[in-house]
Amino acid sequence: QVQLQESGPGLVKPSQTLSLTCTVSGDSIMTSNYAWSWIRQSPGKGLEWMGVINFDGRSDYSPSLKSRSSISMDTFRNQFSLQLSSVTPDDTAVYYCVRALLSEYEYWGQGIQVTVSS
């Protein structure tokens, strides 16, 4: 069975860079046709797709976040990471890492709460 686990800081100061890591067990992040996504949710908003990195290393991002976002892979540790720069309180949310096959989101991490505050 595939499991995903988010890790990173729960509190980040405004203007800093948020860095989150997703550790994957039970499968390789280089398995053909898989995509690895970051999705977040904050109060009063729906789920927001942030970006994705494919099994071959190609990445794509939400237009609203593209200028601040970077997703990378560490194949040795079987991890993928999110960096979100210049954060504001509006970036406070629960962040999820997710595995997708075609258009289906098959497996989710439990989510990690991130608060942006001084």
Protein backbone atom coordinates (compact mmCIF):
# COMPACT_ATOMS: atom_id res chain seq x y z
CA GLN A 1 0.00 0.00 0.00
CA VAL A 2 1.15 3.51 -0.80
CA GLN A 3 1.51 5.96 2.07
CA LEU A 4 2.36 9.67 1.96
CA GLN A 5 3.55 11.74 4.92
CA GLU A 6 3.98 15.52 4.99
CA SER A 7 6.63 17.13 7.17
CA GLY A 8 7.84 20.66 7.78
CA PRO A 9 7.35 23.69 10.01
CA GLY A 10 3.95 24.44 11.48
CA LEU A 11 4.67 28.16 11.88
CA VAL A 12 6.31 30.46 9.33
CA LYS A 13 6.87 34.19 9.53
CA PRO A 14 5.59 36.53 6.79
CA SER A 15 8.00 37.04 3.88
CA GLN A 16 9.84 33.79 4.61
CA THR A 17 9.89 30.67 2.45
CA LEU A 18 7.77 27.68 3.40
CA SER A 19 9.43 24.33 2.73
CA LEU A 20 7.45 21.09 3.02
CA THR A 21 8.51 17.54 2.25
CA CYS A 22 6.40 14.52 1.34
CA THR A 23 7.87 11.11 2.11
CA VAL A 24 6.44 8.27 0.01
CA SER A 25 6.49 4.62 1.05
CA GLY A 26 5.22 1.57 -0.79
CA ASP A 27 6.05 2.78 -4.29
CA SER A 28 8.66 4.70 -6.21
CA ILE A 29 8.02 8.31 -7.18
CA MET A 30 9.57 7.43 -10.54
CA THR A 31 6.90 4.84 -11.36
CA SER A 32 5.56 5.47 -14.87
CA ASN A 33 2.36 7.53 -15.21
CA TYR A 34 2.24 8.74 -11.61
CA ALA A 35 2.03 12.43 -10.72
CA TRP A 36 2.78 13.93 -7.32
CA SER A 37 0.79 17.01 -6.29
CA TRP A 38 0.47 19.57 -3.54
CA ILE A 39 -3.05 20.71 -2.58
CA ARG A 40 -4.07 23.06 0.23
CA GLN A 41 -7.26 24.06 2.03
CA SER A 42 -8.00 27.07 4.25
CA PRO A 43 -11.17 28.12 6.11
CA GLY A 44 -13.82 29.49 3.77
CA LYS A 45 -12.11 28.16 0.66
CA GLY A 46 -12.27 24.98 -1.32
CA LEU A 47 -9.38 22.73 -2.09
CA GLU A 48 -6.72 24.59 -4.08
CA TRP A 49 -4.44 22.71 -6.42
CA MET A 50 -0.96 24.20 -6.14
CA GLY A 51 1.22 22.22 -8.47
CA VAL A 52 2.52 18.85 -9.58
CA ILE A 53 5.67 17.02 -10.52
CA ASN A 54 5.43 14.02 -12.83
CA PHE A 55 7.32 10.75 -12.61
CA ASP A 56 9.76 12.00 -15.24
CA GLY A 57 10.51 15.22 -13.35
CA ARG A 58 8.34 17.61 -15.38
CA SER A 59 6.47 20.13 -13.22
CA ASP A 60 3.46 22.42 -13.56
CA TYR A 61 1.89 25.02 -11.25
CA SER A 62 -1.31 26.92 -10.58
CA PRO A 63 -1.11 30.25 -12.45
CA SER A 64 -1.83 32.16 -9.23
CA LEU A 65 1.11 30.54 -7.44
CA LYS A 66 3.57 29.87 -10.24
CA SER A 67 5.81 32.84 -9.47
CA ARG A 68 6.28 31.74 -5.84
CA SER A 69 6.26 27.94 -6.10
CA SER A 70 8.80 25.24 -6.76
CA ILE A 71 8.33 21.46 -6.57
CA SER A 72 11.29 19.11 -6.68
CA MET A 73 12.07 15.40 -6.36
CA ASP A 74 14.63 13.56 -4.28
CA THR A 75 14.66 10.10 -5.85
CA PHE A 76 17.27 8.74 -3.43
CA ARG A 77 15.03 9.45 -0.43
CA ASN A 78 11.79 8.81 -2.37
CA GLN A 79 10.53 12.28 -1.48
CA PHE A 80 9.13 15.33 -3.19
CA SER A 81 9.09 18.84 -1.78
CA LEU A 82 7.30 22.17 -2.04
CA GLN A 83 8.88 25.58 -1.59
CA LEU A 84 6.54 28.58 -1.38
CA SER A 85 8.31 31.92 -1.11
CA SER A 86 7.20 35.31 0.23
CA VAL A 87 4.42 33.86 2.34
CA THR A 88 1.64 35.97 3.86
CA PRO A 89 -1.15 35.14 6.36
CA ASP A 90 -3.29 34.26 3.33
CA ASP A 91 -1.07 31.21 2.88
CA THR A 92 -2.24 29.77 6.21
CA ALA A 93 -3.79 26.42 5.34
CA VAL A 94 -3.66 22.67 5.68
CA TYR A 95 -1.24 21.36 3.07
CA TYR A 96 -1.61 17.91 1.53
CA CYS A 97 0.65 15.87 -0.68
CA VAL A 98 -1.23 13.62 -3.09
CA ARG A 99 -0.50 10.91 -5.65
CA ALA A 100 -2.44 11.03 -8.90
CA LEU A 101 -2.87 8.49 -11.67
CA LEU A 102 -4.24 10.11 -14.83
CA SER A 103 -6.92 12.48 -13.41
CA GLU A 104 -7.66 10.52 -10.22
CA TYR A 105 -6.25 11.55 -6.82
CA GLU A 106 -5.68 8.09 -5.38
CA TYR A 107 -3.67 8.60 -2.20
CA TRP A 108 -3.45 11.54 0.22
CA GLY A 109 -1.24 12.35 3.15
CA GLN A 110 -3.00 13.26 6.39
CA GLY A 111 -2.22 16.96 5.89
CA ILE A 112 -0.07 19.39 7.82
CA GLN A 113 -1.30 22.65 9.34
CA VAL A 114 0.85 25.65 8.42
CA THR A 115 0.26 29.03 10.04
CA VAL A 116 1.85 32.22 8.72
CA SER A 117 2.16 34.71 11.56
CA SER A 118 4.61 37.03 13.29
